Amino acid sequence: NPHTVVGVEDVRVVDLVGLGAKVPDVNLEVVEPGPHPGELTMRVHERGAGITQACGSGACAALVAAVRRELSARKATVSLPGGDLVIEWRESDGHVLMTGPVELEWETVLRPELFA
């Protein structure tokens, strides 16, 4: 899932639709460092979908990019319009962990002949 992460001073003023149109083949995250090393604010424009309320893999990419630029601690709360996620990039094994709320959006049963 390709991502482009752009650091900005204020995520609210970014023309996310216009910027997202310039990179249509990737998810675009604009990220603002918080007042503390464990806080980031993010907005996302997902490829093929436009502006969305949240993106878990994008929040993970944003945290890793912020850590690499020394703008964040390795564990931070990433605030998105759809809610907060806690992302941790573990130094011990390089794994990126995401913690946050989940919600069932849709449920269905697929017909067996679809798999024939």
PDB file of N, CA and C in Angstrom:
ATOM      1  N   ASN A   1       0.861  -1.169   0.000  1.00  0.00           N
ATOM      2  CA  ASN A   1       0.000   0.000   0.000  1.00  0.00           C
ATOM      3  C   ASN A   1       0.908   1.234   0.000  1.00  0.00           C
ATOM      4  N   PRO A   2       1.121   1.866  -1.143  1.00  0.00           N
ATOM      5  CA  PRO A   2       2.089   2.974  -1.206  1.00  0.00           C
ATOM      6  C   PRO A   2       1.582   4.257  -0.551  1.00  0.00           C
ATOM      7  N   HIS A   3       2.492   4.917   0.153  1.00  0.00           N
ATOM      8  CA  HIS A   3       2.162   6.146   0.867  1.00  0.00           C
ATOM      9  C   HIS A   3       3.185   7.235   0.564  1.00  0.00           C
ATOM     10  N   THR A   4       2.712   8.464   0.534  1.00  0.00           N
ATOM     11  CA  THR A   4       3.572   9.638   0.521  1.00  0.00           C
ATOM     12  C   THR A   4       3.204  10.452   1.746  1.00  0.00           C
ATOM     13  N   VAL A   5       4.188  10.737   2.574  1.00  0.00           N
ATOM     14  CA  VAL A   5       3.961  11.479   3.817  1.00  0.00           C
ATOM     15  C   VAL A   5       4.616  12.849   3.675  1.00  0.00           C
ATOM     16  N   VAL A   6       3.829  13.905   3.928  1.00  0.00           N
ATOM     17  CA  VAL A   6       4.323  15.271   3.826  1.00  0.00           C
ATOM     18  C   VAL A   6       4.141  15.953   5.177  1.00  0.00           C
ATOM     19  N   GLY A   7       5.220  16.452   5.726  1.00  0.00           N
ATOM     20  CA  GLY A   7       5.153  17.202   6.973  1.00  0.00           C
ATOM     21  C   GLY A   7       4.727  18.636   6.708  1.00  0.00           C
ATOM     22  N   VAL A   8       3.794  19.136   7.500  1.00  0.00           N
ATOM     23  CA  VAL A   8       3.284  20.502   7.341  1.00  0.00           C
ATOM     24  C   VAL A   8       3.156  21.147   8.721  1.00  0.00           C
ATOM     25  N   GLU A   9       3.017  22.463   8.723  1.00  0.00           N
ATOM     26  CA  GLU A   9       2.843  23.185   9.991  1.00  0.00           C
ATOM     27  C   GLU A   9       1.410  23.129  10.494  1.00  0.00           C
ATOM     28  N   ASP A  10       0.428  23.042   9.550  1.00  0.00           N
ATOM     29  CA  ASP A  10      -0.986  23.039   9.929  1.00  0.00           C
ATOM     30  C   ASP A  10      -1.768  22.203   8.919  1.00  0.00           C
ATOM     31  N   VAL A  11      -2.203  21.019   9.327  1.00  0.00           N
ATOM     32  CA  VAL A  11      -2.913  20.122   8.402  1.00  0.00           C
ATOM     33  C   VAL A  11      -4.242  20.704   7.934  1.00  0.00           C
ATOM     34  N   ARG A  12      -4.810  21.622   8.707  1.00  0.00           N
ATOM     35  CA  ARG A  12      -6.139  22.166   8.375  1.00  0.00           C
ATOM     36  C   ARG A  12      -6.132  23.053   7.137  1.00  0.00           C
ATOM     37  N   VAL A  13      -5.008  23.644   6.801  1.00  0.00           N
ATOM     38  CA  VAL A  13      -4.974  24.602   5.698  1.00  0.00           C
ATOM     39  C   VAL A  13      -4.501  23.998   4.381  1.00  0.00           C
ATOM     40  N   VAL A  14      -4.150  22.728   4.379  1.00  0.00           N
ATOM     41  CA  VAL A  14      -3.654  22.075   3.166  1.00  0.00           C
ATOM     42  C   VAL A  14      -4.811  21.752   2.228  1.00  0.00           C
ATOM     43  N   ASP A  15      -4.643  22.087   0.938  1.00  0.00           N
ATOM     44  CA  ASP A  15      -5.609  21.698  -0.099  1.00  0.00           C
ATOM     45  C   ASP A  15      -5.363  20.224  -0.413  1.00  0.00           C
ATOM     46  N   LEU A  16      -5.976  19.369   0.378  1.00  0.00           N
ATOM     47  CA  LEU A  16      -5.715  17.939   0.281  1.00  0.00           C
ATOM     48  C   LEU A  16      -6.215  17.351  -1.035  1.00  0.00           C
ATOM     49  N   VAL A  17      -7.322  17.847  -1.546  1.00  0.00           N
ATOM     50  CA  VAL A  17      -7.840  17.354  -2.829  1.00  0.00           C
ATOM     51  C   VAL A  17      -6.867  17.715  -3.949  1.00  0.00           C
ATOM     52  N   GLY A  18      -6.430  18.959  -3.989  1.00  0.00           N
ATOM     53  CA  GLY A  18      -5.503  19.400  -5.028  1.00  0.00           C
ATOM     54  C   GLY A  18      -4.170  18.689  -4.950  1.00  0.00           C
ATOM     55  N   LEU A  19      -3.642  18.546  -3.735  1.00  0.00           N
ATOM     56  CA  LEU A  19      -2.366  17.873  -3.554  1.00  0.00           C
ATOM     57  C   LEU A  19      -2.484  16.386  -3.870  1.00  0.00           C
ATOM     58  N   GLY A  20      -3.582  15.781  -3.445  1.00  0.00           N
ATOM     59  CA  GLY A  20      -3.803  14.359  -3.715  1.00  0.00           C
ATOM     60  C   GLY A  20      -3.911  14.065  -5.200  1.00  0.00           C
ATOM     61  N   ALA A  21      -4.458  15.005  -5.968  1.00  0.00           N
ATOM     62  CA  ALA A  21      -4.584  14.823  -7.420  1.00  0.00           C
ATOM     63  C   ALA A  21      -3.217  14.773  -8.096  1.00  0.00           C
ATOM     64  N   LYS A  22      -2.221  15.336  -7.456  1.00  0.00           N
ATOM     65  CA  LYS A  22      -0.870  15.353  -8.039  1.00  0.00           C
ATOM     66  C   LYS A  22      -0.143  14.030  -7.844  1.00  0.00           C
ATOM     67  N   VAL A  23      -0.618  13.216  -6.912  1.00  0.00           N
ATOM     68  CA  VAL A  23      -0.024  11.895  -6.661  1.00  0.00           C
ATOM     69  C   VAL A  23      -1.137  10.850  -6.606  1.00  0.00           C
ATOM     70  N   PRO A  24      -1.827  10.602  -7.738  1.00  0.00           N
ATOM     71  CA  PRO A  24      -3.027   9.758  -7.720  1.00  0.00           C
ATOM     72  C   PRO A  24      -2.780   8.274  -7.460  1.00  0.00           C
ATOM     73  N   ASP A  25      -1.542   7.830  -7.551  1.00  0.00           N
ATOM     74  CA  ASP A  25      -1.256   6.404  -7.392  1.00  0.00           C
ATOM     75  C   ASP A  25      -0.799   6.014  -5.997  1.00  0.00           C
ATOM     76  N   VAL A  26      -0.847   6.970  -5.060  1.00  0.00           N
ATOM     77  CA  VAL A  26      -0.444   6.676  -3.683  1.00  0.00           C
ATOM     78  C   VAL A  26      -1.440   7.291  -2.718  1.00  0.00           C
ATOM     79  N   ASN A  27      -1.422   6.812  -1.498  1.00  0.00           N
ATOM     80  CA  ASN A  27      -2.155   7.472  -0.420  1.00  0.00           C
ATOM     81  C   ASN A  27      -1.279   8.622   0.063  1.00  0.00           C
ATOM     82  N   LEU A  28      -1.883   9.768   0.257  1.00  0.00           N
ATOM     83  CA  LEU A  28      -1.150  10.950   0.675  1.00  0.00           C
ATOM     84  C   LEU A  28      -1.538  11.316   2.094  1.00  0.00           C
ATOM     85  N   GLU A  29      -0.546  11.383   2.975  1.00  0.00           N
ATOM     86  CA  GLU A  29      -0.768  11.802   4.346  1.00  0.00           C
ATOM     87  C   GLU A  29      -0.069  13.133   4.579  1.00  0.00           C
ATOM     88  N   VAL A  30      -0.811  14.109   5.106  1.00  0.00           N
ATOM     89  CA  VAL A  30      -0.182  15.345   5.575  1.00  0.00           C
ATOM     90  C   VAL A  30      -0.177  15.264   7.096  1.00  0.00           C
ATOM     91  N   VAL A  31       0.989  15.556   7.669  1.00  0.00           N
ATOM     92  CA  VAL A  31       1.199  15.318   9.090  1.00  0.00           C
ATOM     93  C   VAL A  31       1.779  16.558   9.745  1.00  0.00           C
ATOM     94  N   GLU A  32       1.211  16.881  10.880  1.00  0.00           N
ATOM     95  CA  GLU A  32       1.644  18.033  11.681  1.00  0.00           C
ATOM     96  C   GLU A  32       2.158  17.517  13.022  1.00  0.00           C
ATOM     97  N   PRO A  33       3.415  17.814  13.359  1.00  0.00           N
ATOM     98  CA  PRO A  33       3.906  17.417  14.680  1.00  0.00           C
ATOM     99  C   PRO A  33       3.120  18.137  15.774  1.00  0.00           C
ATOM    100  N   GLY A  34       2.876  17.432  16.871  1.00  0.00           N
ATOM    101  CA  GLY A  34       2.162  18.024  17.993  1.00  0.00           C
ATOM    102  C   GLY A  34       3.095  18.793  18.899  1.00  0.00           C
ATOM    103  N   PRO A  35       2.547  19.361  19.953  1.00  0.00           N
ATOM    104  CA  PRO A  35       3.375  20.116  20.894  1.00  0.00           C
ATOM    105  C   PRO A  35       4.295  19.221  21.721  1.00  0.00           C
ATOM    106  N   HIS A  36       4.008  17.923  21.744  1.00  0.00           N
ATOM    107  CA  HIS A  36       4.821  16.956  22.485  1.00  0.00           C
ATOM    108  C   HIS A  36       5.311  15.885  21.519  1.00  0.00           C
ATOM    109  N   PRO A  37       6.451  15.247  21.766  1.00  0.00           N
ATOM    110  CA  PRO A  37       6.996  14.248  20.852  1.00  0.00           C
ATOM    111  C   PRO A  37       6.090  13.042  20.619  1.00  0.00           C
ATOM    112  N   GLY A  38       5.109  12.831  21.467  1.00  0.00           N
ATOM    113  CA  GLY A  38       4.212  11.695  21.334  1.00  0.00           C
ATOM    114  C   GLY A  38       2.875  12.051  20.718  1.00  0.00           C
ATOM    115  N   GLU A  39       2.821  13.139  19.936  1.00  0.00           N
ATOM    116  CA  GLU A  39       1.550  13.573  19.331  1.00  0.00           C
ATOM    117  C   GLU A  39       1.770  13.997  17.880  1.00  0.00           C
ATOM    118  N   LEU A  40       0.921  13.499  17.001  1.00  0.00           N
ATOM    119  CA  LEU A  40       0.897  13.913  15.600  1.00  0.00           C
ATOM    120  C   LEU A  40      -0.551  14.132  15.193  1.00  0.00           C
ATOM    121  N   THR A  41      -0.781  15.052  14.270  1.00  0.00           N
ATOM    122  CA  THR A  41      -2.100  15.246  13.676  1.00  0.00           C
ATOM    123  C   THR A  41      -1.977  14.939  12.200  1.00  0.00           C
ATOM    124  N   MET A  42      -2.962  14.230  11.638  1.00  0.00           N
ATOM    125  CA  MET A  42      -2.847  13.771  10.260  1.00  0.00           C
ATOM    126  C   MET A  42      -4.177  13.882   9.530  1.00  0.00           C
ATOM    127  N   ARG A  43      -4.104  14.203   8.251  1.00  0.00           N
ATOM    128  CA  ARG A  43      -5.237  14.087   7.322  1.00  0.00           C
ATOM    129  C   ARG A  43      -4.770  13.232   6.156  1.00  0.00           C
ATOM    130  N   VAL A  44      -5.719  12.557   5.503  1.00  0.00           N
ATOM    131  CA  VAL A  44      -5.328  11.614   4.456  1.00  0.00           C
ATOM    132  C   VAL A  44      -6.222  11.740   3.225  1.00  0.00           C
ATOM    133  N   HIS A  45      -5.588  11.596   2.067  1.00  0.00           N
ATOM    134  CA  HIS A  45      -6.262  11.496   0.772  1.00  0.00           C
ATOM    135  C   HIS A  45      -5.868  10.130   0.217  1.00  0.00           C
ATOM    136  N   GLU A  46      -6.848   9.201   0.179  1.00  0.00           N
ATOM    137  CA  GLU A  46      -6.535   7.842  -0.258  1.00  0.00           C
ATOM    138  C   GLU A  46      -6.747   7.694  -1.755  1.00  0.00           C
ATOM    139  N   ARG A  47      -5.826   6.991  -2.399  1.00  0.00           N
ATOM    140  CA  ARG A  47      -5.915   6.792  -3.843  1.00  0.00           C
ATOM    141  C   ARG A  47      -7.225   6.098  -4.191  1.00  0.00           C
ATOM    142  N   GLY A  48      -7.889   6.656  -5.165  1.00  0.00           N
ATOM    143  CA  GLY A  48      -9.145   6.079  -5.628  1.00  0.00           C
ATOM    144  C   GLY A  48     -10.348   6.394  -4.760  1.00  0.00           C
ATOM    145  N   ALA A  49     -10.146   7.015  -3.592  1.00  0.00           N
ATOM    146  CA  ALA A  49     -11.267   7.268  -2.682  1.00  0.00           C
ATOM    147  C   ALA A  49     -11.398   8.741  -2.306  1.00  0.00           C
ATOM    148  N   GLY A  50     -10.308   9.491  -2.346  1.00  0.00           N
ATOM    149  CA  GLY A  50     -10.350  10.884  -1.926  1.00  0.00           C
ATOM    150  C   GLY A  50     -10.077  11.014  -0.443  1.00  0.00           C
ATOM    151  N   ILE A  51     -10.552  12.108   0.134  1.00  0.00           N
ATOM    152  CA  ILE A  51     -10.329  12.364   1.556  1.00  0.00           C
ATOM    153  C   ILE A  51     -11.121  11.359   2.383  1.00  0.00           C
ATOM    154  N   THR A  52     -10.452  10.730   3.338  1.00  0.00           N
ATOM    155  CA  THR A  52     -11.120   9.780   4.233  1.00  0.00           C
ATOM    156  C   THR A  52     -10.899  10.217   5.680  1.00  0.00           C
ATOM    157  N   GLN A  53     -11.667   9.630   6.573  1.00  0.00           N
ATOM    158  CA  GLN A  53     -11.613   9.991   7.986  1.00  0.00           C
ATOM    159  C   GLN A  53     -10.386   9.432   8.703  1.00  0.00           C
ATOM    160  N   ALA A  54      -9.847   8.335   8.168  1.00  0.00           N
ATOM    161  CA  ALA A  54      -8.703   7.700   8.814  1.00  0.00           C
ATOM    162  C   ALA A  54      -8.062   6.714   7.860  1.00  0.00           C
ATOM    163  N   CYS A  55      -6.835   6.344   8.157  1.00  0.00           N
ATOM    164  CA  CYS A  55      -6.117   5.322   7.390  1.00  0.00           C
ATOM    165  C   CYS A  55      -5.066   4.737   8.319  1.00  0.00           C
ATOM    166  N   GLY A  56      -5.266   3.503   8.720  1.00  0.00           N
ATOM    167  CA  GLY A  56      -4.351   2.879   9.669  1.00  0.00           C
ATOM    168  C   GLY A  56      -2.950   2.702   9.128  1.00  0.00           C
ATOM    169  N   SER A  57      -2.823   2.194   7.910  1.00  0.00           N
ATOM    170  CA  SER A  57      -1.479   2.025   7.352  1.00  0.00           C
ATOM    171  C   SER A  57      -0.833   3.384   7.112  1.00  0.00           C
ATOM    172  N   GLY A  58      -1.640   4.394   6.791  1.00  0.00           N
ATOM    173  CA  GLY A  58      -1.114   5.743   6.623  1.00  0.00           C
ATOM    174  C   GLY A  58      -0.610   6.330   7.933  1.00  0.00           C
ATOM    175  N   ALA A  59      -1.318   6.059   9.017  1.00  0.00           N
ATOM    176  CA  ALA A  59      -0.869   6.528  10.329  1.00  0.00           C
ATOM    177  C   ALA A  59       0.455   5.869  10.703  1.00  0.00           C
ATOM    178  N   CYS A  60       0.603   4.591  10.354  1.00  0.00           N
ATOM    179  CA  CYS A  60       1.868   3.895  10.610  1.00  0.00           C
ATOM    180  C   CYS A  60       2.996   4.520   9.785  1.00  0.00           C
ATOM    181  N   ALA A  61       2.720   4.777   8.505  1.00  0.00           N
ATOM    182  CA  ALA A  61       3.728   5.406   7.640  1.00  0.00           C
ATOM    183  C   ALA A  61       4.099   6.791   8.157  1.00  0.00           C
ATOM    184  N   ALA A  62       3.101   7.537   8.625  1.00  0.00           N
ATOM    185  CA  ALA A  62       3.346   8.889   9.133  1.00  0.00           C
ATOM    186  C   ALA A  62       4.245   8.862  10.368  1.00  0.00           C
ATOM    187  N   LEU A  63       3.996   7.924  11.264  1.00  0.00           N
ATOM    188  CA  LEU A  63       4.818   7.833  12.472  1.00  0.00           C
ATOM    189  C   LEU A  63       6.257   7.494  12.111  1.00  0.00           C
ATOM    190  N   VAL A  64       6.455   6.516  11.240  1.00  0.00           N
ATOM    191  CA  VAL A  64       7.818   6.130  10.847  1.00  0.00           C
ATOM    192  C   VAL A  64       8.532   7.314  10.191  1.00  0.00           C
ATOM    193  N   ALA A  65       7.843   8.020   9.300  1.00  0.00           N
ATOM    194  CA  ALA A  65       8.451   9.189   8.644  1.00  0.00           C
ATOM    195  C   ALA A  65       8.805  10.263   9.673  1.00  0.00           C
ATOM    196  N   ALA A  66       7.922  10.502  10.628  1.00  0.00           N
ATOM    197  CA  ALA A  66       8.177  11.527  11.653  1.00  0.00           C
ATOM    198  C   ALA A  66       9.352  11.144  12.543  1.00  0.00           C
ATOM    199  N   VAL A  67       9.458   9.871  12.884  1.00  0.00           N
ATOM    200  CA  VAL A  67      10.589   9.416  13.705  1.00  0.00           C
ATOM    201  C   VAL A  67      11.891   9.591  12.924  1.00  0.00           C
ATOM    202  N   ARG A  68      11.887   9.215  11.661  1.00  0.00           N
ATOM    203  CA  ARG A  68      13.098   9.348  10.835  1.00  0.00           C
ATOM    204  C   ARG A  68      13.547  10.803  10.714  1.00  0.00           C
ATOM    205  N   ARG A  69      12.604  11.740  10.761  1.00  0.00           N
ATOM    206  CA  ARG A  69      12.933  13.170  10.691  1.00  0.00           C
ATOM    207  C   ARG A  69      13.134  13.782  12.075  1.00  0.00           C
ATOM    208  N   GLU A  70      13.117  12.914  13.110  1.00  0.00           N
ATOM    209  CA  GLU A  70      13.290  13.338  14.503  1.00  0.00           C
ATOM    210  C   GLU A  70      12.230  14.343  14.936  1.00  0.00           C
ATOM    211  N   LEU A  71      10.983  14.114  14.466  1.00  0.00           N
ATOM    212  CA  LEU A  71       9.847  14.970  14.812  1.00  0.00           C
ATOM    213  C   LEU A  71       8.879  14.291  15.771  1.00  0.00           C
ATOM    214  N   SER A  72       9.179  13.034  16.127  1.00  0.00           N
ATOM    215  CA  SER A  72       8.270  12.293  16.989  1.00  0.00           C
ATOM    216  C   SER A  72       9.026  11.236  17.769  1.00  0.00           C
ATOM    217  N   ALA A  73       8.432  10.861  18.882  1.00  0.00           N
ATOM    218  CA  ALA A  73       8.899   9.690  19.622  1.00  0.00           C
ATOM    219  C   ALA A  73       8.497   8.441  18.838  1.00  0.00           C
ATOM    220  N   ARG A  74       9.041   7.300  19.178  1.00  0.00           N
ATOM    221  CA  ARG A  74       8.732   6.054  18.472  1.00  0.00           C
ATOM    222  C   ARG A  74       7.321   5.543  18.791  1.00  0.00           C
ATOM    223  N   LYS A  75       6.700   6.096  19.811  1.00  0.00           N
ATOM    224  CA  LYS A  75       5.313   5.775  20.137  1.00  0.00           C
ATOM    225  C   LYS A  75       4.566   7.090  20.256  1.00  0.00           C
ATOM    226  N   ALA A  76       3.458   7.206  19.498  1.00  0.00           N
ATOM    227  CA  ALA A  76       2.733   8.476  19.494  1.00  0.00           C
ATOM    228  C   ALA A  76       1.255   8.249  19.240  1.00  0.00           C
ATOM    229  N   THR A  77       0.468   9.199  19.694  1.00  0.00           N
ATOM    230  CA  THR A  77      -0.948   9.246  19.348  1.00  0.00           C
ATOM    231  C   THR A  77      -1.072  10.044  18.063  1.00  0.00           C
ATOM    232  N   VAL A  78      -1.662   9.406  17.049  1.00  0.00           N
ATOM    233  CA  VAL A  78      -1.896  10.069  15.770  1.00  0.00           C
ATOM    234  C   VAL A  78      -3.373  10.438  15.728  1.00  0.00           C
ATOM    235  N   SER A  79      -3.650  11.736  15.711  1.00  0.00           N
ATOM    236  CA  SER A  79      -5.035  12.222  15.703  1.00  0.00           C
ATOM    237  C   SER A  79      -5.493  12.423  14.272  1.00  0.00           C
ATOM    238  N   LEU A  80      -6.591  11.773  13.925  1.00  0.00           N
ATOM    239  CA  LEU A  80      -7.191  11.858  12.599  1.00  0.00           C
ATOM    240  C   LEU A  80      -8.629  12.332  12.747  1.00  0.00           C
ATOM    241  N   PRO A  81      -9.253  12.838  11.685  1.00  0.00           N
ATOM    242  CA  PRO A  81     -10.654  13.265  11.803  1.00  0.00           C
ATOM    243  C   PRO A  81     -11.574  12.158  12.341  1.00  0.00           C
ATOM    244  N   GLY A  82     -11.270  10.901  12.020  1.00  0.00           N
ATOM    245  CA  GLY A  82     -12.104   9.785  12.461  1.00  0.00           C
ATOM    246  C   GLY A  82     -11.783   9.266  13.845  1.00  0.00           C
ATOM    247  N   GLY A  83     -10.753   9.795  14.481  1.00  0.00           N
ATOM    248  CA  GLY A  83     -10.394   9.345  15.822  1.00  0.00           C
ATOM    249  C   GLY A  83      -8.898   9.171  15.973  1.00  0.00           C
ATOM    250  N   ASP A  84      -8.498   8.838  17.165  1.00  0.00           N
ATOM    251  CA  ASP A  84      -7.076   8.703  17.485  1.00  0.00           C
ATOM    252  C   ASP A  84      -6.613   7.254  17.372  1.00  0.00           C
ATOM    253  N   LEU A  85      -5.371   7.092  16.922  1.00  0.00           N
ATOM    254  CA  LEU A  85      -4.699   5.800  16.909  1.00  0.00           C
ATOM    255  C   LEU A  85      -3.387   5.951  17.667  1.00  0.00           C
ATOM    256  N   VAL A  86      -2.995   4.913  18.374  1.00  0.00           N
ATOM    257  CA  VAL A  86      -1.678   4.891  18.998  1.00  0.00           C
ATOM    258  C   VAL A  86      -0.801   4.011  18.127  1.00  0.00           C
ATOM    259  N   ILE A  87       0.293   4.594  17.629  1.00  0.00           N
ATOM    260  CA  ILE A  87       1.207   3.885  16.750  1.00  0.00           C
ATOM    261  C   ILE A  87       2.559   3.785  17.444  1.00  0.00           C
ATOM    262  N   GLU A  88       3.156   2.598  17.378  1.00  0.00           N
ATOM    263  CA  GLU A  88       4.477   2.398  17.960  1.00  0.00           C
ATOM    264  C   GLU A  88       5.368   1.697  16.943  1.00  0.00           C
ATOM    265  N   TRP A  89       6.544   2.263  16.715  1.00  0.00           N
ATOM    266  CA  TRP A  89       7.567   1.645  15.883  1.00  0.00           C
ATOM    267  C   TRP A  89       8.626   1.100  16.830  1.00  0.00           C
ATOM    268  N   ARG A  90       8.556  -0.214  17.079  1.00  0.00           N
ATOM    269  CA  ARG A  90       9.434  -0.814  18.074  1.00  0.00           C
ATOM    270  C   ARG A  90      10.878  -0.876  17.583  1.00  0.00           C
ATOM    271  N   GLU A  91      11.757  -0.401  18.405  1.00  0.00           N
ATOM    272  CA  GLU A  91      13.181  -0.446  18.076  1.00  0.00           C
ATOM    273  C   GLU A  91      13.714  -1.869  18.174  1.00  0.00           C
ATOM    274  N   SER A  92      13.141  -2.670  19.082  1.00  0.00           N
ATOM    275  CA  SER A  92      13.650  -4.017  19.333  1.00  0.00           C
ATOM    276  C   SER A  92      13.565  -4.931  18.117  1.00  0.00           C
ATOM    277  N   ASP A  93      12.503  -4.802  17.328  1.00  0.00           N
ATOM    278  CA  ASP A  93      12.349  -5.710  16.183  1.00  0.00           C
ATOM    279  C   ASP A  93      11.898  -5.004  14.897  1.00  0.00           C
ATOM    280  N   GLY A  94      11.725  -3.681  14.944  1.00  0.00           N
ATOM    281  CA  GLY A  94      11.335  -2.935  13.752  1.00  0.00           C
ATOM    282  C   GLY A  94       9.863  -3.027  13.406  1.00  0.00           C
ATOM    283  N   HIS A  95       9.076  -3.733  14.202  1.00  0.00           N
ATOM    284  CA  HIS A  95       7.647  -3.858  13.924  1.00  0.00           C
ATOM    285  C   HIS A  95       6.922  -2.552  14.236  1.00  0.00           C
ATOM    286  N   VAL A  96       5.886  -2.278  13.455  1.00  0.00           N
ATOM    287  CA  VAL A  96       5.031  -1.123  13.690  1.00  0.00           C
ATOM    288  C   VAL A  96       3.687  -1.650  14.181  1.00  0.00           C
ATOM    289  N   LEU A  97       3.271  -1.174  15.352  1.00  0.00           N
ATOM    290  CA  LEU A  97       2.035  -1.639  15.973  1.00  0.00           C
ATOM    291  C   LEU A  97       1.015  -0.512  16.000  1.00  0.00           C
ATOM    292  N   MET A  98      -0.239  -0.857  15.739  1.00  0.00           N
ATOM    293  CA  MET A  98      -1.323   0.122  15.755  1.00  0.00           C
ATOM    294  C   MET A  98      -2.380  -0.326  16.755  1.00  0.00           C
ATOM    295  N   THR A  99      -2.793   0.609  17.596  1.00  0.00           N
ATOM    296  CA  THR A  99      -3.845   0.344  18.572  1.00  0.00           C
ATOM    297  C   THR A  99      -4.902   1.422  18.426  1.00  0.00           C
ATOM    298  N   GLY A 100      -6.154   0.995  18.384  1.00  0.00           N
ATOM    299  CA  GLY A 100      -7.233   1.963  18.277  1.00  0.00           C
ATOM    300  C   GLY A 100      -8.573   1.268  18.224  1.00  0.00           C
ATOM    301  N   PRO A 101      -9.635   2.048  18.169  1.00  0.00           N
ATOM    302  CA  PRO A 101     -10.978   1.473  18.160  1.00  0.00           C
ATOM    303  C   PRO A 101     -11.299   0.823  16.817  1.00  0.00           C
ATOM    304  N   VAL A 102     -12.206  -0.132  16.857  1.00  0.00           N
ATOM    305  CA  VAL A 102     -12.716  -0.762  15.631  1.00  0.00           C
ATOM    306  C   VAL A 102     -14.228  -0.675  15.637  1.00  0.00           C
ATOM    307  N   GLU A 103     -14.801  -0.758  14.461  1.00  0.00           N
ATOM    308  CA  GLU A 103     -16.249  -0.681  14.332  1.00  0.00           C
ATOM    309  C   GLU A 103     -16.679  -1.517  13.135  1.00  0.00           C
ATOM    310  N   LEU A 104     -17.671  -2.363  13.312  1.00  0.00           N
ATOM    311  CA  LEU A 104     -18.193  -3.158  12.213  1.00  0.00           C
ATOM    312  C   LEU A 104     -18.985  -2.252  11.280  1.00  0.00           C
ATOM    313  N   GLU A 105     -18.590  -2.212  10.025  1.00  0.00           N
ATOM    314  CA  GLU A 105     -19.243  -1.361   9.044  1.00  0.00           C
ATOM    315  C   GLU A 105     -20.264  -2.121   8.201  1.00  0.00           C
ATOM    316  N   TRP A 106     -19.998  -3.401   7.945  1.00  0.00           N
ATOM    317  CA  TRP A 106     -20.829  -4.144   7.006  1.00  0.00           C
ATOM    318  C   TRP A 106     -20.601  -5.625   7.199  1.00  0.00           C
ATOM    319  N   GLU A 107     -21.631  -6.412   6.989  1.00  0.00           N
ATOM    320  CA  GLU A 107     -21.533  -7.855   7.115  1.00  0.00           C
ATOM    321  C   GLU A 107     -22.375  -8.491   6.023  1.00  0.00           C
ATOM    322  N   THR A 108     -21.890  -9.593   5.451  1.00  0.00           N
ATOM    323  CA  THR A 108     -22.631 -10.293   4.410  1.00  0.00           C
ATOM    324  C   THR A 108     -22.213 -11.752   4.386  1.00  0.00           C
ATOM    325  N   VAL A 109     -22.928 -12.532   3.609  1.00  0.00           N
ATOM    326  CA  VAL A 109     -22.577 -13.921   3.347  1.00  0.00           C
ATOM    327  C   VAL A 109     -22.411 -14.044   1.839  1.00  0.00           C
ATOM    328  N   LEU A 110     -21.274 -14.574   1.414  1.00  0.00           N
ATOM    329  CA  LEU A 110     -21.009 -14.736  -0.009  1.00  0.00           C
ATOM    330  C   LEU A 110     -21.565 -16.077  -0.477  1.00  0.00           C
ATOM    331  N   ARG A 111     -22.110 -16.070  -1.658  1.00  0.00           N
ATOM    332  CA  ARG A 111     -22.652 -17.290  -2.242  1.00  0.00           C
ATOM    333  C   ARG A 111     -21.500 -18.239  -2.600  1.00  0.00           C
ATOM    334  N   PRO A 112     -21.622 -19.547  -2.285  1.00  0.00           N
ATOM    335  CA  PRO A 112     -20.545 -20.510  -2.554  1.00  0.00           C
ATOM    336  C   PRO A 112     -20.131 -20.558  -4.029  1.00  0.00           C
ATOM    337  N   GLU A 113     -21.051 -20.322  -4.953  1.00  0.00           N
ATOM    338  CA  GLU A 113     -20.703 -20.407  -6.379  1.00  0.00           C
ATOM    339  C   GLU A 113     -19.706 -19.320  -6.799  1.00  0.00           C
ATOM    340  N   LEU A 114     -19.541 -18.300  -5.995  1.00  0.00           N
ATOM    341  CA  LEU A 114     -18.530 -17.283  -6.296  1.00  0.00           C
ATOM    342  C   LEU A 114     -17.119 -17.848  -6.209  1.00  0.00           C
ATOM    343  N   PHE A 115     -16.956 -18.947  -5.467  1.00  0.00           N
ATOM    344  CA  PHE A 115     -15.647 -19.522  -5.261  1.00  0.00           C
ATOM    345  C   PHE A 115     -15.400 -20.768  -6.118  1.00  0.00           C
ATOM    346  N   ALA A 116     -16.348 -21.082  -6.980  1.00  0.00           N
ATOM    347  CA  ALA A 116     -16.206 -22.298  -7.824  1.00  0.00           C
ATOM    348  C   ALA A 116     -15.222 -22.066  -8.956  1.00  0.00           C
TER     349      ALA A 116
END
